[in-house]
Amino acid sequence: VSLPSIGLLIAIPGFLQLCITLICGGLIDKWGEKTGYLLT
């Protein structure tokens, strides 16, 4: 895989985590921490 693509692979989880954490917070409040750990 090319080096720019490897950089993209490294960035995907962190960027996604930043974007979706607020949504996950609402879901964890609704479903509970145990469900969050199971999803993890």
Full PDB file with SEQRES, HELIX, SHEET, SSBOND, CRYST1, ORIGX, SCALE, CONECT and MASTER records, all heavy atoms in Angstrom:
SEQRES   1 A   40  VAL SER LEU PRO SER ILE GLY LEU LEU ILE ALA ILE PRO          
SEQRES   2 A   40  GLY PHE LEU GLN LEU CYS ILE THR LEU ILE CYS GLY GLY          
SEQRES   3 A   40  LEU ILE ASP LYS TRP GLY GLU LYS THR GLY TYR LEU LEU          
SEQRES   4 A   40  THR                                                          
HELIX    1 AA1 LEU A    3  TRP A   31  1                                  29    
HELIX    2 AA2 GLU A   33  LEU A   39  1                                   7    
CRYST1    1.000    1.000    1.000  90.00  90.00  90.00 P 1           1          
ORIGX1      1.000000  0.000000  0.000000        0.00000                         
ORIGX2      0.000000  1.000000  0.000000        0.00000                         
ORIGX3      0.000000  0.000000  1.000000        0.00000                         
SCALE1      1.000000  0.000000  0.000000        0.00000                         
SCALE2      0.000000  1.000000  0.000000        0.00000                         
SCALE3      0.000000  0.000000  1.000000        0.00000                         
ATOM      1  N   VAL A   1       0.852  -1.180   0.000  1.00  0.00           N  
ATOM      2  CA  VAL A   1       0.000   0.000   0.000  1.00  0.00           C  
ATOM      3  C   VAL A   1       0.895   1.240   0.000  1.00  0.00           C  
ATOM      4  O   VAL A   1       1.937   1.264   0.649  1.00  0.00           O  
ATOM      5  CB  VAL A   1      -0.938  -0.018   1.229  1.00  0.00           C  
ATOM      6  CG1 VAL A   1      -1.768   1.231   1.326  1.00  0.00           C  
ATOM      7  CG2 VAL A   1      -1.821  -1.250   1.196  1.00  0.00           C  
ATOM      8  N   SER A   2       0.502   2.285  -0.718  1.00  0.00           N  
ATOM      9  CA  SER A   2       1.301   3.504  -0.801  1.00  0.00           C  
ATOM     10  C   SER A   2       1.349   4.226   0.548  1.00  0.00           C  
ATOM     11  O   SER A   2       0.471   4.052   1.403  1.00  0.00           O  
ATOM     12  CB  SER A   2       0.735   4.436  -1.865  1.00  0.00           C  
ATOM     13  OG  SER A   2      -0.510   4.936  -1.455  1.00  0.00           O  
ATOM     14  N   LEU A   3       2.360   5.060   0.733  1.00  0.00           N  
ATOM     15  CA  LEU A   3       2.522   5.772   2.001  1.00  0.00           C  
ATOM     16  C   LEU A   3       1.365   6.731   2.316  1.00  0.00           C  
ATOM     17  O   LEU A   3       0.914   6.778   3.469  1.00  0.00           O  
ATOM     18  CB  LEU A   3       3.860   6.511   2.022  1.00  0.00           C  
ATOM     19  CG  LEU A   3       5.101   5.611   2.088  1.00  0.00           C  
ATOM     20  CD1 LEU A   3       6.366   6.445   2.082  1.00  0.00           C  
ATOM     21  CD2 LEU A   3       5.055   4.712   3.302  1.00  0.00           C  
ATOM     22  N   PRO A   4       0.837   7.487   1.347  1.00  0.00           N  
ATOM     23  CA  PRO A   4      -0.344   8.300   1.682  1.00  0.00           C  
ATOM     24  C   PRO A   4      -1.548   7.462   2.109  1.00  0.00           C  
ATOM     25  O   PRO A   4      -2.304   7.852   3.004  1.00  0.00           O  
ATOM     26  CB  PRO A   4      -0.641   9.061   0.388  1.00  0.00           C  
ATOM     27  CG  PRO A   4       0.656   9.104  -0.345  1.00  0.00           C  
ATOM     28  CD  PRO A   4       1.343   7.817   0.008  1.00  0.00           C  
ATOM     29  N   SER A   5      -1.703   6.308   1.514  1.00  0.00           N  
ATOM     30  CA  SER A   5      -2.813   5.425   1.905  1.00  0.00           C  
ATOM     31  C   SER A   5      -2.596   4.866   3.308  1.00  0.00           C  
ATOM     32  O   SER A   5      -3.557   4.711   4.067  1.00  0.00           O  
ATOM     33  CB  SER A   5      -2.956   4.277   0.908  1.00  0.00           C  
ATOM     34  OG  SER A   5      -3.287   4.778  -0.360  1.00  0.00           O  
ATOM     35  N   ILE A   6      -1.359   4.591   3.653  1.00  0.00           N  
ATOM     36  CA  ILE A   6      -1.063   4.132   5.015  1.00  0.00           C  
ATOM     37  C   ILE A   6      -1.367   5.242   6.019  1.00  0.00           C  
ATOM     38  O   ILE A   6      -1.923   4.993   7.094  1.00  0.00           O  
ATOM     39  CB  ILE A   6       0.390   3.638   5.132  1.00  0.00           C  
ATOM     40  CG1 ILE A   6       0.531   2.336   4.357  1.00  0.00           C  
ATOM     41  CG2 ILE A   6       0.796   3.447   6.583  1.00  0.00           C  
ATOM     42  CD1 ILE A   6       1.932   1.801   4.286  1.00  0.00           C  
ATOM     43  N   GLY A   7      -1.044   6.486   5.660  1.00  0.00           N  
ATOM     44  CA  GLY A   7      -1.399   7.617   6.520  1.00  0.00           C  
ATOM     45  C   GLY A   7      -2.898   7.720   6.715  1.00  0.00           C  
ATOM     46  O   GLY A   7      -3.379   8.003   7.812  1.00  0.00           O  
ATOM     47  N   LEU A   8      -3.637   7.473   5.650  1.00  0.00           N  
ATOM     48  CA  LEU A   8      -5.098   7.473   5.748  1.00  0.00           C  
ATOM     49  C   LEU A   8      -5.585   6.346   6.656  1.00  0.00           C  
ATOM     50  O   LEU A   8      -6.484   6.547   7.485  1.00  0.00           O  
ATOM     51  CB  LEU A   8      -5.716   7.342   4.359  1.00  0.00           C  
ATOM     52  CG  LEU A   8      -7.230   7.407   4.269  1.00  0.00           C  
ATOM     53  CD1 LEU A   8      -7.729   8.765   4.741  1.00  0.00           C  
ATOM     54  CD2 LEU A   8      -7.681   7.146   2.849  1.00  0.00           C  
ATOM     55  N   LEU A   9      -4.985   5.182   6.530  1.00  0.00           N  
ATOM     56  CA  LEU A   9      -5.361   4.057   7.394  1.00  0.00           C  
ATOM     57  C   LEU A   9      -5.121   4.386   8.871  1.00  0.00           C  
ATOM     58  O   LEU A   9      -5.903   4.009   9.733  1.00  0.00           O  
ATOM     59  CB  LEU A   9      -4.564   2.804   7.024  1.00  0.00           C  
ATOM     60  CG  LEU A   9      -4.981   2.072   5.771  1.00  0.00           C  
ATOM     61  CD1 LEU A   9      -4.007   0.934   5.486  1.00  0.00           C  
ATOM     62  CD2 LEU A   9      -6.391   1.544   5.897  1.00  0.00           C  
ATOM     63  N   ILE A  10      -4.049   5.083   9.148  1.00  0.00           N  
ATOM     64  CA  ILE A  10      -3.732   5.443  10.530  1.00  0.00           C  
ATOM     65  C   ILE A  10      -4.730   6.482  11.050  1.00  0.00           C  
ATOM     66  O   ILE A  10      -5.124   6.463  12.218  1.00  0.00           O  
ATOM     67  CB  ILE A  10      -2.287   5.957  10.635  1.00  0.00           C  
ATOM     68  CG1 ILE A  10      -1.309   4.823  10.330  1.00  0.00           C  
ATOM     69  CG2 ILE A  10      -2.006   6.541  12.007  1.00  0.00           C  
ATOM     70  CD1 ILE A  10       0.117   5.263  10.153  1.00  0.00           C  
ATOM     71  N   ALA A  11      -5.163   7.396  10.174  1.00  0.00           N  
ATOM     72  CA  ALA A  11      -6.028   8.500  10.595  1.00  0.00           C  
ATOM     73  C   ALA A  11      -7.494   8.113  10.737  1.00  0.00           C  
ATOM     74  O   ALA A  11      -8.227   8.750  11.497  1.00  0.00           O  
ATOM     75  CB  ALA A  11      -5.904   9.644   9.593  1.00  0.00           C  
ATOM     76  N   ILE A  12      -7.933   7.094  10.039  1.00  0.00           N  
ATOM     77  CA  ILE A  12      -9.371   6.747  10.024  1.00  0.00           C  
ATOM     78  C   ILE A  12      -9.947   6.533  11.430  1.00  0.00           C  
ATOM     79  O   ILE A  12     -10.963   7.141  11.772  1.00  0.00           O  
ATOM     80  CB  ILE A  12      -9.633   5.522   9.119  1.00  0.00           C  
ATOM     81  CG1 ILE A  12      -9.508   5.904   7.652  1.00  0.00           C  
ATOM     82  CG2 ILE A  12     -11.011   4.926   9.379  1.00  0.00           C  
ATOM     83  CD1 ILE A  12      -9.563   4.711   6.701  1.00  0.00           C  
ATOM     84  N   PRO A  13      -9.351   5.685  12.285  1.00  0.00           N  
ATOM     85  CA  PRO A  13     -10.000   5.450  13.589  1.00  0.00           C  
ATOM     86  C   PRO A  13     -10.055   6.687  14.476  1.00  0.00           C  
ATOM     87  O   PRO A  13     -11.062   6.935  15.131  1.00  0.00           O  
ATOM     88  CB  PRO A  13      -9.155   4.360  14.241  1.00  0.00           C  
ATOM     89  CG  PRO A  13      -8.230   3.877  13.232  1.00  0.00           C  
ATOM     90  CD  PRO A  13      -8.195   4.830  12.108  1.00  0.00           C  
ATOM     91  N   GLY A  14      -8.982   7.465  14.488  1.00  0.00           N  
ATOM     92  CA  GLY A  14      -8.976   8.663  15.325  1.00  0.00           C  
ATOM     93  C   GLY A  14      -9.982   9.699  14.855  1.00  0.00           C  
ATOM     94  O   GLY A  14     -10.697  10.303  15.659  1.00  0.00           O  
ATOM     95  N   PHE A  15     -10.040   9.920  13.547  1.00  0.00           N  
ATOM     96  CA  PHE A  15     -10.992  10.881  13.002  1.00  0.00           C  
ATOM     97  C   PHE A  15     -12.429  10.417  13.252  1.00  0.00           C  
ATOM     98  O   PHE A  15     -13.289  11.211  13.648  1.00  0.00           O  
ATOM     99  CB  PHE A  15     -10.750  11.073  11.502  1.00  0.00           C  
ATOM    100  CG  PHE A  15     -11.656  12.075  10.878  1.00  0.00           C  
ATOM    101  CD1 PHE A  15     -11.487  13.424  11.121  1.00  0.00           C  
ATOM    102  CD2 PHE A  15     -12.696  11.668  10.067  1.00  0.00           C  
ATOM    103  CE1 PHE A  15     -12.339  14.365  10.556  1.00  0.00           C  
ATOM    104  CE2 PHE A  15     -13.556  12.592   9.494  1.00  0.00           C  
ATOM    105  CZ  PHE A  15     -13.375  13.946   9.741  1.00  0.00           C  
ATOM    106  N   LEU A  16     -12.684   9.143  13.044  1.00  0.00           N  
ATOM    107  CA  LEU A  16     -14.020   8.604  13.272  1.00  0.00           C  
ATOM    108  C   LEU A  16     -14.405   8.712  14.744  1.00  0.00           C  
ATOM    109  O   LEU A  16     -15.545   9.042  15.077  1.00  0.00           O  
ATOM    110  CB  LEU A  16     -14.085   7.149  12.811  1.00  0.00           C  
ATOM    111  CG  LEU A  16     -15.456   6.509  12.770  1.00  0.00           C  
ATOM    112  CD1 LEU A  16     -16.361   7.240  11.796  1.00  0.00           C  
ATOM    113  CD2 LEU A  16     -15.335   5.059  12.360  1.00  0.00           C  
ATOM    114  N   GLN A  17     -13.440   8.460  15.623  1.00  0.00           N  
ATOM    115  CA  GLN A  17     -13.705   8.567  17.053  1.00  0.00           C  
ATOM    116  C   GLN A  17     -14.080   9.998  17.416  1.00  0.00           C  
ATOM    117  O   GLN A  17     -15.009  10.216  18.189  1.00  0.00           O  
ATOM    118  CB  GLN A  17     -12.485   8.119  17.852  1.00  0.00           C  
ATOM    119  CG  GLN A  17     -12.688   8.180  19.342  1.00  0.00           C  
ATOM    120  CD  GLN A  17     -11.451   7.765  20.118  1.00  0.00           C  
ATOM    121  OE1 GLN A  17     -10.452   7.347  19.544  1.00  0.00           O  
ATOM    122  NE2 GLN A  17     -11.510   7.897  21.414  1.00  0.00           N  
ATOM    123  N   LEU A  18     -13.384  10.970  16.867  1.00  0.00           N  
ATOM    124  CA  LEU A  18     -13.721  12.368  17.144  1.00  0.00           C  
ATOM    125  C   LEU A  18     -15.118  12.726  16.655  1.00  0.00           C  
ATOM    126  O   LEU A  18     -15.852  13.440  17.326  1.00  0.00           O  
ATOM    127  CB  LEU A  18     -12.706  13.296  16.470  1.00  0.00           C  
ATOM    128  CG  LEU A  18     -11.355  13.430  17.129  1.00  0.00           C  
ATOM    129  CD1 LEU A  18     -10.428  14.269  16.261  1.00  0.00           C  
ATOM    130  CD2 LEU A  18     -11.488  14.032  18.503  1.00  0.00           C  
ATOM    131  N   CYS A  19     -15.470  12.225  15.497  1.00  0.00           N  
ATOM    132  CA  CYS A  19     -16.757  12.590  14.888  1.00  0.00           C  
ATOM    133  C   CYS A  19     -17.946  11.911  15.557  1.00  0.00           C  
ATOM    134  O   CYS A  19     -19.035  12.473  15.589  1.00  0.00           O  
ATOM    135  CB  CYS A  19     -16.740  12.228  13.403  1.00  0.00           C  
ATOM    136  SG  CYS A  19     -15.566  13.204  12.450  1.00  0.00           S  
ATOM    137  N   ILE A  20     -17.773  10.720  16.067  1.00  0.00           N  
ATOM    138  CA  ILE A  20     -18.930   9.937  16.511  1.00  0.00           C  
ATOM    139  C   ILE A  20     -19.052   9.831  18.041  1.00  0.00           C  
ATOM    140  O   ILE A  20     -20.027   9.292  18.537  1.00  0.00           O  
ATOM    141  CB  ILE A  20     -18.884   8.545  15.865  1.00  0.00           C  
ATOM    142  CG1 ILE A  20     -20.262   7.924  15.839  1.00  0.00           C  
ATOM    143  CG2 ILE A  20     -17.889   7.656  16.542  1.00  0.00           C  
ATOM    144  CD1 ILE A  20     -20.389   6.741  14.927  1.00  0.00           C  
ATOM    145  N   THR A  21     -18.099  10.398  18.786  1.00  0.00           N  
ATOM    146  CA  THR A  21     -18.127  10.258  20.246  1.00  0.00           C  
ATOM    147  C   THR A  21     -19.393  10.858  20.858  1.00  0.00           C  
ATOM    148  O   THR A  21     -19.966  10.278  21.785  1.00  0.00           O  
ATOM    149  CB  THR A  21     -16.867  10.890  20.860  1.00  0.00           C  
ATOM    150  OG1 THR A  21     -15.726  10.185  20.365  1.00  0.00           O  
ATOM    151  CG2 THR A  21     -16.874  10.797  22.367  1.00  0.00           C  
ATOM    152  N   LEU A  22     -19.847  11.988  20.362  1.00  0.00           N  
ATOM    153  CA  LEU A  22     -21.061  12.592  20.924  1.00  0.00           C  
ATOM    154  C   LEU A  22     -22.282  11.714  20.693  1.00  0.00           C  
ATOM    155  O   LEU A  22     -23.139  11.578  21.571  1.00  0.00           O  
ATOM    156  CB  LEU A  22     -21.291  13.985  20.333  1.00  0.00           C  
ATOM    157  CG  LEU A  22     -20.257  15.039  20.731  1.00  0.00           C  
ATOM    158  CD1 LEU A  22     -20.515  16.326  19.982  1.00  0.00           C  
ATOM    159  CD2 LEU A  22     -20.280  15.261  22.230  1.00  0.00           C  
ATOM    160  N   ILE A  23     -22.361  11.110  19.532  1.00  0.00           N  
ATOM    161  CA  ILE A  23     -23.471  10.196  19.242  1.00  0.00           C  
ATOM    162  C   ILE A  23     -23.386   8.987  20.167  1.00  0.00           C  
ATOM    163  O   ILE A  23     -24.399   8.540  20.725  1.00  0.00           O  
ATOM    164  CB  ILE A  23     -23.442   9.771  17.763  1.00  0.00           C  
ATOM    165  CG1 ILE A  23     -23.678  10.987  16.870  1.00  0.00           C  
ATOM    166  CG2 ILE A  23     -24.475   8.688  17.485  1.00  0.00           C  
ATOM    167  CD1 ILE A  23     -23.399  10.744  15.411  1.00  0.00           C  
ATOM    168  N   CYS A  24     -22.169   8.460  20.351  1.00  0.00           N  
ATOM    169  CA  CYS A  24     -21.983   7.308  21.247  1.00  0.00           C  
ATOM    170  C   CYS A  24     -22.370   7.663  22.679  1.00  0.00           C  
ATOM    171  O   CYS A  24     -22.927   6.833  23.396  1.00  0.00           O  
ATOM    172  CB  CYS A  24     -20.540   6.829  21.207  1.00  0.00           C  
ATOM    173  SG  CYS A  24     -20.088   6.044  19.669  1.00  0.00           S  
ATOM    174  N   GLY A  25     -22.078   8.899  23.095  1.00  0.00           N  
ATOM    175  CA  GLY A  25     -22.453   9.328  24.446  1.00  0.00           C  
ATOM    176  C   GLY A  25     -23.953   9.247  24.671  1.00  0.00           C  
ATOM    177  O   GLY A  25     -24.422   8.759  25.698  1.00  0.00           O  
ATOM    178  N   GLY A  26     -24.719   9.716  23.706  1.00  0.00           N  
ATOM    179  CA  GLY A  26     -26.179   9.628  23.814  1.00  0.00           C  
ATOM    180  C   GLY A  26     -26.663   8.192  23.825  1.00  0.00           C  
ATOM    181  O   GLY A  26     -27.576   7.830  24.578  1.00  0.00           O  
ATOM    182  N   LEU A  27     -26.040   7.349  22.987  1.00  0.00           N  
ATOM    183  CA  LEU A  27     -26.443   5.939  22.945  1.00  0.00           C  
ATOM    184  C   LEU A  27     -26.088   5.224  24.251  1.00  0.00           C  
ATOM    185  O   LEU A  27     -26.857   4.392  24.729  1.00  0.00           O  
ATOM    186  CB  LEU A  27     -25.782   5.241  21.757  1.00  0.00           C  
ATOM    187  CG  LEU A  27     -26.250   5.710  20.380  1.00  0.00           C  
ATOM    188  CD1 LEU A  27     -25.426   5.050  19.281  1.00  0.00           C  
ATOM    189  CD2 LEU A  27     -27.724   5.415  20.195  1.00  0.00           C  
ATOM    190  N   ILE A  28     -24.934   5.542  24.821  1.00  0.00           N  
ATOM    191  CA  ILE A  28     -24.536   4.908  26.086  1.00  0.00           C  
ATOM    192  C   ILE A  28     -25.466   5.349  27.214  1.00  0.00           C  
ATOM    193  O   ILE A  28     -25.829   4.551  28.079  1.00  0.00           O  
ATOM    194  CB  ILE A  28     -23.066   5.225  26.416  1.00  0.00           C  
ATOM    195  CG1 ILE A  28     -22.140   4.623  25.362  1.00  0.00           C  
ATOM    196  CG2 ILE A  28     -22.690   4.735  27.806  1.00  0.00           C  
ATOM    197  CD1 ILE A  28     -22.291   3.145  25.149  1.00  0.00           C  
ATOM    198  N   ASP A  29     -25.865   6.617  27.224  1.00  0.00           N  
ATOM    199  CA  ASP A  29     -26.832   7.065  28.233  1.00  0.00           C  
ATOM    200  C   ASP A  29     -28.148   6.317  28.105  1.00  0.00           C  
ATOM    201  O   ASP A  29     -28.793   5.998  29.095  1.00  0.00           O  
ATOM    202  CB  ASP A  29     -27.094   8.566  28.097  1.00  0.00           C  
ATOM    203  CG  ASP A  29     -26.006   9.408  28.717  1.00  0.00           C  
ATOM    204  OD1 ASP A  29     -25.207   8.857  29.499  1.00  0.00           O  
ATOM    205  OD2 ASP A  29     -25.948  10.617  28.411  1.00  0.00           O  
ATOM    206  N   LYS A  30     -28.533   6.022  26.878  1.00  0.00           N  
ATOM    207  CA  LYS A  30     -29.805   5.342  26.634  1.00  0.00           C  
ATOM    208  C   LYS A  30     -29.705   3.838  26.904  1.00  0.00           C  
ATOM    209  O   LYS A  30     -30.597   3.245  27.504  1.00  0.00           O  
ATOM    210  CB  LYS A  30     -30.225   5.596  25.189  1.00  0.00           C  
ATOM    211  CG  LYS A  30     -31.578   5.095  24.816  1.00  0.00           C  
ATOM    212  CD  LYS A  30     -31.909   5.522  23.390  1.00  0.00           C  
ATOM    213  CE  LYS A  30     -33.291   5.075  23.001  1.00  0.00           C  
ATOM    214  NZ  LYS A  30     -33.639   5.505  21.645  1.00  0.00           N  
ATOM    215  N   TRP A  31     -28.621   3.204  26.437  1.00  0.00           N  
ATOM    216  CA  TRP A  31     -28.499   1.744  26.496  1.00  0.00           C  
ATOM    217  C   TRP A  31     -27.709   1.235  27.696  1.00  0.00           C  
ATOM    218  O   TRP A  31     -27.842   0.075  28.060  1.00  0.00           O  
ATOM    219  CB  TRP A  31     -27.823   1.219  25.237  1.00  0.00           C  
ATOM    220  CG  TRP A  31     -28.589   1.458  23.987  1.00  0.00           C  
ATOM    221  CD1 TRP A  31     -29.932   1.672  23.863  1.00  0.00           C  
ATOM    222  CD2 TRP A  31     -28.063   1.495  22.667  1.00  0.00           C  
ATOM    223  NE1 TRP A  31     -30.264   1.845  22.544  1.00  0.00           N  
ATOM    224  CE2 TRP A  31     -29.135   1.734  21.786  1.00  0.00           C  
ATOM    225  CE3 TRP A  31     -26.783   1.353  22.138  1.00  0.00           C  
ATOM    226  CZ2 TRP A  31     -28.961   1.840  20.430  1.00  0.00           C  
ATOM    227  CZ3 TRP A  31     -26.618   1.455  20.770  1.00  0.00           C  
ATOM    228  CH2 TRP A  31     -27.701   1.698  19.932  1.00  0.00           C  
ATOM    229  N   GLY A  32     -26.824   2.038  28.268  1.00  0.00           N  
ATOM    230  CA  GLY A  32     -26.009   1.607  29.395  1.00  0.00           C  
ATOM    231  C   GLY A  32     -24.593   1.227  28.973  1.00  0.00           C  
ATOM    232  O   GLY A  32     -24.319   0.950  27.808  1.00  0.00           O  
ATOM    233  N   GLU A  33     -23.702   1.224  29.965  1.00  0.00           N  
ATOM    234  CA  GLU A  33     -22.284   0.966  29.698  1.00  0.00           C  
ATOM    235  C   GLU A  33     -22.020  -0.471  29.257  1.00  0.00           C  
ATOM    236  O   GLU A  33     -21.136  -0.722  28.442  1.00  0.00           O  
ATOM    237  CB  GLU A  33     -21.434   1.269  30.936  1.00  0.00           C  
ATOM    238  CG  GLU A  33     -21.368   2.725  31.314  1.00  0.00           C  
ATOM    239  CD  GLU A  33     -22.493   3.145  32.239  1.00  0.00           C  
ATOM    240  OE1 GLU A  33     -23.277   2.266  32.669  1.00  0.00           O  
ATOM    241  OE2 GLU A  33     -22.597   4.349  32.515  1.00  0.00           O  
ATOM    242  N   LYS A  34     -22.780  -1.404  29.802  1.00  0.00           N  
ATOM    243  CA  LYS A  34     -22.567  -2.807  29.445  1.00  0.00           C  
ATOM    244  C   LYS A  34     -22.780  -3.026  27.949  1.00  0.00           C  
ATOM    245  O   LYS A  34     -21.988  -3.710  27.296  1.00  0.00           O  
ATOM    246  CB  LYS A  34     -23.502  -3.702  30.255  1.00  0.00           C  
ATOM    247  CG  LYS A  34     -23.268  -5.165  30.055  1.00  0.00           C  
ATOM    248  CD  LYS A  34     -24.168  -5.995  30.962  1.00  0.00           C  
ATOM    249  CE  LYS A  34     -23.929  -7.465  30.771  1.00  0.00           C  
ATOM    250  NZ  LYS A  34     -24.777  -8.272  31.641  1.00  0.00           N  
ATOM    251  N   THR A  35     -23.814  -2.438  27.404  1.00  0.00           N  
ATOM    252  CA  THR A  35     -24.059  -2.534  25.964  1.00  0.00           C  
ATOM    253  C   THR A  35     -22.936  -1.866  25.188  1.00  0.00           C  
ATOM    254  O   THR A  35     -22.514  -2.359  24.141  1.00  0.00           O  
ATOM    255  CB  THR A  35     -25.412  -1.887  25.612  1.00  0.00           C  
ATOM    256  OG1 THR A  35     -26.430  -2.495  26.398  1.00  0.00           O  
ATOM    257  CG2 THR A  35     -25.721  -2.036  24.144  1.00  0.00           C  
ATOM    258  N   GLY A  36     -22.433  -0.752  25.703  1.00  0.00           N  
ATOM    259  CA  GLY A  36     -21.312  -0.072  25.056  1.00  0.00           C  
ATOM    260  C   GLY A  36     -20.070  -0.942  25.007  1.00  0.00           C  
ATOM    261  O   GLY A  36     -19.368  -0.994  23.990  1.00  0.00           O  
ATOM    262  N   TYR A  37     -19.793  -1.650  26.111  1.00  0.00           N  
ATOM    263  CA  TYR A  37     -18.650  -2.565  26.125  1.00  0.00           C  
ATOM    264  C   TYR A  37     -18.866  -3.731  25.153  1.00  0.00           C  
ATOM    265  O   TYR A  37     -17.936  -4.155  24.477  1.00  0.00           O  
ATOM    266  CB  TYR A  37     -18.405  -3.112  27.532  1.00  0.00           C  
ATOM    267  CG  TYR A  37     -17.757  -2.121  28.472  1.00  0.00           C  
ATOM    268  CD1 TYR A  37     -18.220  -1.963  29.770  1.00  0.00           C  
ATOM    269  CD2 TYR A  37     -16.673  -1.357  28.075  1.00  0.00           C  
ATOM    270  CE1 TYR A  37     -17.628  -1.070  30.639  1.00  0.00           C  
ATOM    271  CE2 TYR A  37     -16.079  -0.464  28.944  1.00  0.00           C  
ATOM    272  CZ  TYR A  37     -16.549  -0.324  30.222  1.00  0.00           C  
ATOM    273  OH  TYR A  37     -15.951   0.558  31.074  1.00  0.00           O  
ATOM    274  N   LEU A  38     -20.088  -4.234  25.080  1.00  0.00           N  
ATOM    275  CA  LEU A  38     -20.373  -5.313  24.132  1.00  0.00           C  
ATOM    276  C   LEU A  38     -20.184  -4.843  22.688  1.00  0.00           C  
ATOM    277  O   LEU A  38     -19.641  -5.573  21.845  1.00  0.00           O  
ATOM    278  CB  LEU A  38     -21.783  -5.848  24.340  1.00  0.00           C  
ATOM    279  CG  LEU A  38     -22.007  -6.654  25.623  1.00  0.00           C  
ATOM    280  CD1 LEU A  38     -23.484  -6.967  25.796  1.00  0.00           C  
ATOM    281  CD2 LEU A  38     -21.196  -7.923  25.604  1.00  0.00           C  
ATOM    282  N   LEU A  39     -20.617  -3.630  22.398  1.00  0.00           N  
ATOM    283  CA  LEU A  39     -20.415  -3.074  21.059  1.00  0.00           C  
ATOM    284  C   LEU A  39     -18.936  -2.865  20.770  1.00  0.00           C  
ATOM    285  O   LEU A  39     -18.467  -3.114  19.661  1.00  0.00           O  
ATOM    286  CB  LEU A  39     -21.178  -1.757  20.911  1.00  0.00           C  
ATOM    287  CG  LEU A  39     -22.681  -1.876  20.750  1.00  0.00           C  
ATOM    288  CD1 LEU A  39     -23.349  -0.518  20.852  1.00  0.00           C  
ATOM    289  CD2 LEU A  39     -23.014  -2.535  19.428  1.00  0.00           C  
ATOM    290  N   THR A  40     -18.194  -2.424  21.785  1.00  0.00           N  
ATOM    291  CA  THR A  40     -16.750  -2.236  21.621  1.00  0.00           C  
ATOM    292  C   THR A  40     -16.084  -3.523  21.175  1.00  0.00           C  
ATOM    293  O   THR A  40     -15.330  -3.547  20.202  1.00  0.00           O  
ATOM    294  CB  THR A  40     -16.115  -1.775  22.951  1.00  0.00           C  
ATOM    295  OG1 THR A  40     -16.599  -0.483  23.263  1.00  0.00           O  
ATOM    296  CG2 THR A  40     -14.611  -1.742  22.861  1.00  0.00           C  
TER     297      THR A  40                                                      
MASTER        0    0    0    2    0    0    0    6  296    1    0    4          
END                                                                             
